[in-house]
Amino acid sequence: MTMDTKNGSGRTTGRGIGLAAVRGLALALVSLPGAVLCFCLSLVSIALIPIGVGIVTTPYVLTGVRAFADARRVLAAEWGGVRIPPAYRPLPQDANPWARTFGMLRDPATWRDLWWLPVDMTAGFVTALLPAVLLLYPLEGFALALGLWRVFPDGYWYGFVPVTGQASAFGAAALGLVLLFLAHFLTPRLLGAHFRLTRAVLGSNQGELAERVRVLTETRRDAVDTSAAELRRIERDLHDGAQARLVAVGMDLGTIEALLDKDPARAKELIAQARKSSVEALTELRELVRGIHPPVLAERGLGDAVRALALRLPVATEVSVDLPGRAEAPVESAAYFAVSEVLTNAVKHAGADRIWVDLHRAAGMLRATVTDNGKGGAVIGAGSGLAGVERRLGTFDGVLAVSSPVGGPTMVTMEIPCA
């Protein structure tokens, strides 16, 4: 039994090292071209501001830089357990290009993003690539010992070992074995160092308390505005829908009372009409209640509520749920309506024919991911549905990250702290 446990632990460790190497290689392949592209576009766009062209292009370029940084924040949380909360200042929804450009340039978080790009293309690239190098480079040393040294010219060096014959090739294999031993300990740590470097640059350099006060002030204002808008919507729906139908039912009943003796046939028609109006009013009240707090959410929890929501969509939707228990009611409600809004956007605007929803809890966070195979191009901008989702999550210190290249697919990740 002890031997089996040790073997299982060894296989788990081996998979962890290999996974860290693959992830590091993927990061290196993406970070270098992505960081270079974002950095060059940012420099050119900002340089063109004095002649007016940059006023139009800079908001779009900086939005792309933020999306690139947000994608790294998501990977840091999922692959390295390193949380890097965004601290971007909100922009007015009706801001013109001038206000958006200089509003973003006055945001310290924008300059942290721009400083992070050259760091990511240099030190970030090296720390991401090293895990793969430590795991793959020893294979060359073993191949040299098996005879590969014969195809290389004299004076070939493997590390600091000059390979000139079979004996030195065995020395290269010994060095490869040492590197492989080091990879066992260093590969996951190097990937973690990459994400900690990212946090050191992207993390807010303001005082924790001042930043917290600013975020709380903004989220409280957003919560008050959202609550007022929701109350106005409920009042409007009641006034224009159920209330109007119930008034009509009351008028029909008064007419029926007057016609019972004079025109029983007409009274019978009005009774049927009143019954239809009452059924419609009841349906509208049920829809209104579902929009406030769906009964299935209160009775069966977030997972079943999202499954019920997916069944009503016109697009094939697959829901995966791994939630060991119930979160607090406000957290479940916020997550439900956030997922609902993202699904609505996907159905209306993405042109997708398949959607995947994943709900799970990790490291004290409720994480919801919505992926579709649509046309992509979704951004968190003023006036978009995703901006409303971001404000809703911000009330709970939640974060929203969007990966949506043109052509798709689109992946929207939402995280809310929960006990």
Protein backbone atom coordinates (compact mmCIF):
# COMPACT_ATOMS: atom_id res chain seq x y z
CA MET A 1 0.00 0.00 0.00
CA THR A 2 2.83 2.38 0.83
CA MET A 3 4.56 1.64 -2.46
CA ASP A 4 1.37 2.32 -4.44
CA THR A 5 0.90 5.62 -2.64
CA LYS A 6 4.45 6.68 -3.42
CA ASN A 7 4.07 5.72 -7.08
CA GLY A 8 0.81 7.68 -7.30
CA SER A 9 2.48 10.67 -5.69
CA GLY A 10 5.35 10.42 -8.18
CA ARG A 11 2.96 10.33 -11.13
CA THR A 12 1.12 13.36 -9.74
CA THR A 13 4.40 15.25 -9.30
CA GLY A 14 5.49 14.31 -12.83
CA ARG A 15 2.20 15.54 -14.28
CA GLY A 16 2.57 18.77 -12.32
CA ILE A 17 6.08 19.38 -13.68
CA GLY A 18 5.00 18.59 -17.24
CA LEU A 19 1.91 20.79 -16.93
CA ALA A 20 3.98 23.69 -15.58
CA ALA A 21 6.40 23.31 -18.50
CA VAL A 22 3.61 23.24 -21.11
CA ARG A 23 1.90 26.23 -19.54
CA GLY A 24 5.17 28.14 -19.36
CA LEU A 25 5.90 27.41 -23.02
CA ALA A 26 2.40 28.54 -24.03
CA LEU A 27 2.85 31.74 -22.01
CA ALA A 28 6.23 32.43 -23.62
CA LEU A 29 4.84 31.93 -27.12
CA VAL A 30 1.95 34.30 -26.41
CA SER A 31 3.58 36.88 -24.14
CA LEU A 32 6.42 37.92 -26.44
CA PRO A 33 4.44 38.70 -29.63
CA GLY A 34 1.42 39.92 -27.67
CA ALA A 35 3.43 42.28 -25.47
CA VAL A 36 5.48 43.60 -28.41
CA LEU A 37 2.35 44.24 -30.48
CA CYS A 38 0.47 45.97 -27.64
CA PHE A 39 3.50 48.07 -26.68
CA CYS A 40 4.24 49.23 -30.24
CA LEU A 41 0.60 50.05 -30.98
CA SER A 42 0.35 51.99 -27.70
CA LEU A 43 3.48 54.04 -28.43
CA VAL A 44 2.36 54.86 -31.96
CA SER A 45 -1.20 55.72 -30.94
CA ILE A 46 -0.13 57.98 -28.04
CA ALA A 47 2.45 59.66 -30.30
CA LEU A 48 -0.32 60.46 -32.79
CA ILE A 49 -2.48 62.26 -30.21
CA PRO A 50 -1.07 65.75 -31.03
CA ILE A 51 -2.25 65.46 -34.65
CA GLY A 52 -5.68 64.15 -33.66
CA VAL A 53 -5.43 60.60 -34.98
CA GLY A 54 -4.48 59.23 -31.55
CA ILE A 55 -7.62 60.75 -30.00
CA VAL A 56 -9.64 58.21 -31.99
CA THR A 57 -7.28 55.22 -31.85
CA THR A 58 -5.92 55.40 -28.28
CA PRO A 59 -9.11 54.28 -26.46
CA TYR A 60 -9.32 51.18 -28.65
CA VAL A 61 -5.62 50.39 -28.31
CA LEU A 62 -5.63 50.83 -24.52
CA THR A 63 -8.80 48.73 -24.27
CA GLY A 64 -6.91 45.98 -26.10
CA VAL A 65 -3.97 46.37 -23.69
CA ARG A 66 -6.36 46.05 -20.75
CA ALA A 67 -7.88 42.91 -22.28
CA PHE A 68 -4.37 41.45 -22.70
CA ALA A 69 -3.54 42.28 -19.06
CA ASP A 70 -6.89 40.91 -17.84
CA ALA A 71 -6.25 37.64 -19.64
CA ARG A 72 -2.94 37.34 -17.77
CA ARG A 73 -4.76 38.10 -14.49
CA VAL A 74 -7.10 35.18 -15.18
CA LEU A 75 -4.19 32.83 -15.95
CA ALA A 76 -2.34 34.01 -12.84
CA ALA A 77 -5.35 33.10 -10.69
CA GLU A 78 -6.08 29.78 -12.41
CA TRP A 79 -2.53 28.51 -13.03
CA GLY A 80 -0.55 30.12 -10.23
CA GLY A 81 -3.08 30.95 -7.51
CA VAL A 82 -1.90 34.58 -7.72
CA ARG A 83 -4.72 37.12 -7.60
CA ILE A 84 -4.13 40.45 -9.35
CA PRO A 85 -7.31 42.53 -8.97
CA PRO A 86 -7.81 45.18 -11.66
CA ALA A 87 -8.03 48.79 -10.46
CA TYR A 88 -9.16 50.66 -13.56
CA ARG A 89 -11.11 53.84 -13.03
CA PRO A 90 -14.57 53.79 -14.66
CA LEU A 91 -15.29 56.09 -17.59
CA PRO A 92 -18.61 57.92 -18.16
CA GLN A 93 -20.88 55.98 -20.51
CA ASP A 94 -21.47 59.01 -22.74
CA ALA A 95 -17.81 60.09 -22.84
CA ASN A 96 -16.58 61.40 -26.18
CA PRO A 97 -13.25 60.19 -27.70
CA TRP A 98 -11.35 63.12 -26.15
CA ALA A 99 -12.67 62.40 -22.65
CA ARG A 100 -12.11 58.66 -23.04
CA THR A 101 -8.53 59.11 -24.26
CA PHE A 102 -7.40 61.43 -21.50
CA GLY A 103 -9.53 59.68 -18.88
CA MET A 104 -7.64 56.46 -19.62
CA LEU A 105 -4.28 58.22 -19.75
CA ARG A 106 -4.91 59.85 -16.35
CA ASP A 107 -5.56 56.42 -14.83
CA PRO A 108 -2.44 55.10 -13.02
CA ALA A 109 -3.51 51.57 -13.92
CA THR A 110 -3.03 52.40 -17.61
CA TRP A 111 0.60 53.32 -17.04
CA ARG A 112 1.14 50.19 -14.96
CA ASP A 113 -0.14 48.19 -17.94
CA LEU A 114 2.22 50.03 -20.31
CA TRP A 115 5.19 49.50 -17.96
CA TRP A 116 4.29 45.83 -17.63
CA LEU A 117 4.46 45.21 -21.39
CA PRO A 118 8.28 45.62 -21.74
CA VAL A 119 8.76 43.68 -18.50
CA ASP A 120 6.57 40.88 -19.86
CA MET A 121 8.43 40.71 -23.18
CA THR A 122 11.81 40.42 -21.39
CA ALA A 123 11.88 39.07 -17.83
CA GLY A 124 8.36 37.67 -18.17
CA PHE A 125 9.30 35.81 -21.34
CA VAL A 126 12.41 34.31 -19.69
CA THR A 127 10.60 33.18 -16.52
CA ALA A 128 7.83 31.64 -18.62
CA LEU A 129 10.23 29.84 -20.97
CA LEU A 130 12.63 28.46 -18.33
CA PRO A 131 10.26 25.73 -17.02
CA ALA A 132 10.04 24.23 -20.52
CA VAL A 133 13.79 24.63 -21.09
CA LEU A 134 14.65 22.87 -17.83
CA LEU A 135 12.43 19.95 -18.80
CA LEU A 136 13.33 19.68 -22.51
CA TYR A 137 17.02 20.63 -22.60
CA PRO A 138 18.11 17.48 -20.68
CA LEU A 139 16.63 15.37 -23.51
CA GLU A 140 19.34 16.72 -25.82
CA GLY A 141 22.03 15.62 -23.37
CA PHE A 142 20.58 12.09 -23.28
CA ALA A 143 20.38 12.05 -27.11
CA LEU A 144 24.05 13.07 -27.34
CA ALA A 145 25.02 10.15 -25.11
CA LEU A 146 23.04 7.79 -27.37
CA GLY A 147 25.14 8.81 -30.39
CA LEU A 148 23.71 12.09 -31.61
CA TRP A 149 27.12 13.71 -30.95
CA ARG A 150 28.42 12.09 -34.15
CA VAL A 151 26.26 14.33 -36.38
CA PHE A 152 27.51 17.54 -34.74
CA PRO A 153 30.77 19.21 -35.76
CA ASP A 154 33.77 19.26 -33.45
CA GLY A 155 33.63 21.97 -30.82
CA TYR A 156 29.89 21.56 -30.10
CA TRP A 157 29.00 22.62 -26.57
CA TYR A 158 26.21 21.26 -24.45
CA GLY A 159 25.89 23.80 -21.67
CA PHE A 160 29.47 24.15 -20.42
CA VAL A 161 30.47 20.65 -21.60
CA PRO A 162 32.43 20.47 -24.93
CA VAL A 163 31.20 17.37 -26.77
CA THR A 164 34.06 15.79 -28.78
CA GLY A 165 33.51 12.07 -28.25
CA GLN A 166 31.51 9.41 -26.47
CA ALA A 167 33.08 10.15 -23.07
CA SER A 168 32.20 13.83 -23.23
CA ALA A 169 28.74 12.86 -24.53
CA PHE A 170 28.25 10.88 -21.32
CA GLY A 171 29.30 14.05 -19.48
CA ALA A 172 26.55 15.92 -21.36
CA ALA A 173 24.06 13.25 -20.28
CA ALA A 174 25.22 13.66 -16.67
CA LEU A 175 24.65 17.42 -16.94
CA GLY A 176 21.23 16.73 -18.44
CA LEU A 177 20.43 14.48 -15.48
CA VAL A 178 21.39 17.27 -13.08
CA LEU A 179 19.17 19.73 -14.99
CA LEU A 180 16.30 17.25 -14.92
CA PHE A 181 16.76 16.90 -11.16
CA LEU A 182 16.66 20.69 -10.82
CA ALA A 183 13.56 20.81 -13.02
CA HIS A 184 11.78 18.61 -10.50
CA PHE A 185 12.10 21.38 -7.91
CA LEU A 186 12.29 24.56 -9.98
CA THR A 187 9.77 24.18 -12.81
CA PRO A 188 6.57 24.95 -10.84
CA ARG A 189 8.41 27.62 -8.82
CA LEU A 190 9.59 29.41 -11.97
CA LEU A 191 6.05 29.54 -13.32
CA GLY A 192 4.93 30.94 -9.97
CA ALA A 193 7.75 33.50 -10.17
CA HIS A 194 6.43 34.61 -13.56
CA PHE A 195 2.99 35.35 -12.09
CA ARG A 196 4.44 37.03 -8.99
CA LEU A 197 6.50 39.26 -11.30
CA THR A 198 3.29 40.09 -13.14
CA ARG A 199 1.58 40.96 -9.86
CA ALA A 200 4.52 43.13 -8.78
CA VAL A 201 4.15 45.29 -11.89
CA LEU A 202 0.38 45.17 -12.55
CA GLY A 203 -0.63 45.38 -8.89
CA SER A 204 -1.81 48.73 -7.60
CA ASN A 205 0.98 50.89 -6.22
CA GLN A 206 -1.45 53.03 -4.24
CA GLY A 207 -1.88 52.58 -0.57
CA GLU A 208 -4.13 49.62 0.20
CA LEU A 209 -6.49 51.66 2.33
CA ALA A 210 -6.84 54.52 -0.16
CA GLU A 211 -7.45 52.12 -3.01
CA ARG A 212 -9.98 50.19 -0.97
CA VAL A 213 -11.87 53.36 -0.06
CA ARG A 214 -11.98 54.46 -3.70
CA VAL A 215 -13.25 51.09 -4.91
CA LEU A 216 -15.87 50.89 -2.16
CA THR A 217 -17.08 54.41 -2.94
CA GLU A 218 -17.48 53.59 -6.61
CA THR A 219 -19.16 50.23 -6.03
CA ARG A 220 -21.54 51.76 -3.48
CA ARG A 221 -22.54 54.44 -5.98
CA ASP A 222 -23.02 51.80 -8.68
CA ALA A 223 -25.08 49.67 -6.28
CA VAL A 224 -27.33 52.62 -5.42
CA ASP A 225 -27.79 53.52 -9.10
CA THR A 226 -28.48 49.90 -10.03
CA SER A 227 -31.00 49.53 -7.20
CA ALA A 228 -32.81 52.74 -8.21
CA ALA A 229 -32.94 51.61 -11.85
CA GLU A 230 -34.27 48.21 -10.80
CA LEU A 231 -37.02 49.81 -8.70
CA ARG A 232 -38.00 52.03 -11.62
CA ARG A 233 -38.15 48.99 -13.89
CA ILE A 234 -40.36 47.08 -11.46
CA GLU A 235 -42.65 50.08 -11.05
CA ARG A 236 -42.88 50.52 -14.83
CA ASP A 237 -43.58 46.83 -15.44
CA LEU A 238 -46.29 46.80 -12.78
CA HIS A 239 -47.88 49.99 -14.06
CA ASP A 240 -47.81 49.08 -17.74
CA GLY A 241 -48.48 45.37 -17.36
CA ALA A 242 -50.20 43.66 -14.45
CA GLN A 243 -51.78 46.82 -13.02
CA ALA A 244 -53.36 47.78 -16.35
CA ARG A 245 -54.75 44.28 -16.82
CA LEU A 246 -56.20 44.17 -13.29
CA VAL A 247 -57.87 47.55 -13.85
CA ALA A 248 -59.37 46.17 -17.05
CA VAL A 249 -60.63 43.11 -15.15
CA GLY A 250 -62.28 45.39 -12.60
CA MET A 251 -64.00 47.40 -15.33
CA ASP A 252 -65.14 44.20 -17.06
CA LEU A 253 -66.62 42.92 -13.80
CA GLY A 254 -68.55 46.17 -13.37
CA THR A 255 -69.91 45.86 -16.90
CA ILE A 256 -70.79 42.20 -16.32
CA GLU A 257 -72.73 43.10 -13.20
CA ALA A 258 -74.83 45.57 -15.21
CA LEU A 259 -75.39 43.12 -18.11
CA LEU A 260 -76.27 39.97 -16.16
CA ASP A 261 -80.02 40.59 -16.39
CA LYS A 262 -80.17 42.60 -19.63
CA ASP A 263 -77.74 40.71 -21.93
CA PRO A 264 -76.53 37.39 -20.44
CA ALA A 265 -74.72 36.39 -23.66
CA ARG A 266 -72.66 39.57 -23.68
CA ALA A 267 -71.96 39.15 -19.96
CA LYS A 268 -70.69 35.63 -20.65
CA GLU A 269 -68.27 36.97 -23.28
CA LEU A 270 -66.97 39.58 -20.83
CA ILE A 271 -66.47 36.90 -18.16
CA ALA A 272 -64.26 34.92 -20.56
CA GLN A 273 -62.36 38.09 -21.39
CA ALA A 274 -61.90 38.91 -17.70
CA ARG A 275 -60.64 35.39 -17.04
CA LYS A 276 -58.09 35.71 -19.90
CA SER A 277 -56.92 39.10 -18.59
CA SER A 278 -56.47 37.71 -15.08
CA VAL A 279 -54.41 34.79 -16.40
CA GLU A 280 -52.22 37.18 -18.39
CA ALA A 281 -51.79 39.42 -15.35
CA LEU A 282 -50.77 36.40 -13.25
CA THR A 283 -48.24 35.35 -15.93
CA GLU A 284 -46.72 38.82 -16.00
CA LEU A 285 -46.47 38.88 -12.20
CA ARG A 286 -44.66 35.53 -12.27
CA GLU A 287 -42.23 36.83 -14.90
CA LEU A 288 -41.67 39.93 -12.80
CA VAL A 289 -40.95 37.84 -9.69
CA ARG A 290 -38.56 35.68 -11.72
CA GLY A 291 -36.72 38.83 -12.77
CA ILE A 292 -36.38 39.95 -9.14
CA HIS A 293 -35.36 36.61 -7.60
CA PRO A 294 -36.16 33.35 -9.43
CA PRO A 295 -37.89 30.82 -7.15
CA VAL A 296 -35.66 28.01 -8.46
CA LEU A 297 -32.63 29.99 -7.29
CA ALA A 298 -33.98 30.28 -3.76
CA GLU A 299 -35.19 26.68 -3.60
CA ARG A 300 -32.52 24.69 -5.45
CA GLY A 301 -29.44 26.88 -5.68
CA LEU A 302 -27.30 28.48 -8.34
CA GLY A 303 -26.45 25.35 -10.33
CA ASP A 304 -30.06 24.29 -10.98
CA ALA A 305 -31.10 27.91 -11.58
CA VAL A 306 -28.48 28.29 -14.34
CA ARG A 307 -29.50 24.92 -15.82
CA ALA A 308 -33.13 26.10 -15.90
CA LEU A 309 -31.98 29.34 -17.53
CA ALA A 310 -30.03 27.40 -20.19
CA LEU A 311 -33.11 25.33 -21.08
CA ARG A 312 -34.97 28.50 -22.09
CA LEU A 313 -32.24 29.66 -24.48
CA PRO A 314 -32.62 29.21 -28.25
CA VAL A 315 -28.94 28.15 -28.48
CA ALA A 316 -27.65 24.73 -27.40
CA THR A 317 -26.08 25.32 -23.99
CA GLU A 318 -24.03 22.90 -21.89
CA VAL A 319 -23.80 23.60 -18.15
CA SER A 320 -21.12 22.10 -15.91
CA VAL A 321 -21.51 22.63 -12.14
CA ASP A 322 -19.07 21.74 -9.35
CA LEU A 323 -20.36 23.55 -6.27
CA PRO A 324 -20.03 21.60 -3.02
CA GLY A 325 -22.55 23.77 -1.15
CA ARG A 326 -24.67 26.91 -1.23
CA ALA A 327 -23.14 30.38 -1.23
CA GLU A 328 -24.78 33.33 0.48
CA ALA A 329 -28.05 34.40 -1.14
CA PRO A 330 -26.77 37.81 -2.37
CA VAL A 331 -23.70 36.17 -3.93
CA GLU A 332 -25.83 33.53 -5.67
CA SER A 333 -28.20 36.21 -6.92
CA ALA A 334 -25.36 38.37 -8.28
CA ALA A 335 -23.74 35.37 -10.00
CA TYR A 336 -27.08 34.24 -11.48
CA PHE A 337 -27.94 37.59 -13.01
CA ALA A 338 -24.36 38.11 -14.22
CA VAL A 339 -24.44 34.75 -16.01
CA SER A 340 -27.92 35.56 -17.34
CA GLU A 341 -26.71 38.88 -18.80
CA VAL A 342 -23.66 37.27 -20.41
CA LEU A 343 -25.82 34.50 -21.91
CA THR A 344 -28.25 37.09 -23.25
CA ASN A 345 -25.38 38.97 -24.89
CA ALA A 346 -24.07 35.75 -26.42
CA VAL A 347 -27.48 34.87 -27.88
CA LYS A 348 -28.18 38.37 -29.21
CA HIS A 349 -24.80 39.50 -30.50
CA ALA A 350 -22.31 36.62 -30.79
CA GLY A 351 -24.00 34.62 -33.55
CA ALA A 352 -23.03 31.44 -31.69
CA ASP A 353 -24.62 28.03 -32.15
CA ARG A 354 -23.20 26.54 -28.96
CA ILE A 355 -22.50 27.90 -25.46
CA TRP A 356 -20.70 26.33 -22.51
CA VAL A 357 -21.20 27.42 -18.89
CA ASP A 358 -18.89 26.27 -16.09
CA LEU A 359 -19.59 26.96 -12.41
CA HIS A 360 -17.15 25.94 -9.71
CA ARG A 361 -15.58 27.13 -6.49
CA ALA A 362 -11.83 27.46 -6.00
CA ALA A 363 -9.70 29.18 -3.34
CA GLY A 364 -12.67 30.91 -1.72
CA MET A 365 -13.95 32.23 -5.07
CA LEU A 366 -17.13 31.42 -6.94
CA ARG A 367 -16.00 31.29 -10.57
CA ALA A 368 -18.38 31.30 -13.54
CA THR A 369 -17.11 30.95 -17.09
CA VAL A 370 -19.29 31.41 -20.17
CA THR A 371 -17.77 30.40 -23.51
CA ASP A 372 -19.37 30.62 -26.95
CA ASN A 373 -18.20 29.78 -30.46
CA GLY A 374 -19.52 32.99 -31.98
CA LYS A 375 -17.85 35.76 -33.96
CA GLY A 376 -15.98 37.30 -30.99
CA GLY A 377 -15.05 40.96 -30.67
CA ALA A 378 -16.75 41.49 -27.29
CA VAL A 379 -15.27 44.24 -25.11
CA ILE A 380 -16.01 45.75 -21.71
CA GLY A 381 -16.96 49.24 -22.82
CA ALA A 382 -19.25 52.04 -21.81
CA GLY A 383 -22.85 51.20 -22.67
CA SER A 384 -22.21 47.48 -23.22
CA GLY A 385 -23.95 44.76 -21.28
CA LEU A 386 -20.59 43.56 -19.98
CA ALA A 387 -20.00 46.94 -18.33
CA GLY A 388 -23.20 46.43 -16.34
CA VAL A 389 -22.05 42.94 -15.36
CA GLU A 390 -18.73 44.39 -14.18
CA ARG A 391 -20.54 46.96 -12.02
CA ARG A 392 -22.80 44.27 -10.55
CA LEU A 393 -19.81 42.10 -9.63
CA GLY A 394 -17.86 45.08 -8.29
CA THR A 395 -20.41 45.47 -5.52
CA PHE A 396 -19.16 42.13 -4.16
CA ASP A 397 -15.44 42.76 -4.90
CA GLY A 398 -15.85 40.50 -7.90
CA VAL A 399 -13.88 40.71 -11.15
CA LEU A 400 -14.75 40.22 -14.80
CA ALA A 401 -12.30 39.21 -17.54
CA VAL A 402 -13.10 38.86 -21.23
CA SER A 403 -11.13 37.05 -23.92
CA SER A 404 -12.82 37.62 -27.29
CA PRO A 405 -10.57 37.76 -30.36
CA VAL A 406 -12.23 38.66 -33.64
CA GLY A 407 -13.53 35.45 -35.13
CA GLY A 408 -14.11 33.90 -31.72
CA PRO A 409 -14.35 32.12 -29.46
CA THR A 410 -15.43 34.38 -26.60
CA MET A 411 -14.72 33.44 -22.98
CA VAL A 412 -16.11 35.56 -20.14
CA THR A 413 -14.82 34.71 -16.67
CA MET A 414 -16.48 36.07 -13.51
CA GLU A 415 -15.21 35.65 -9.96
CA ILE A 416 -16.94 36.58 -6.71
CA PRO A 417 -15.47 36.02 -3.23
CA CYS A 418 -17.64 33.65 -1.22
CA ALA A 419 -17.37 31.73 2.01
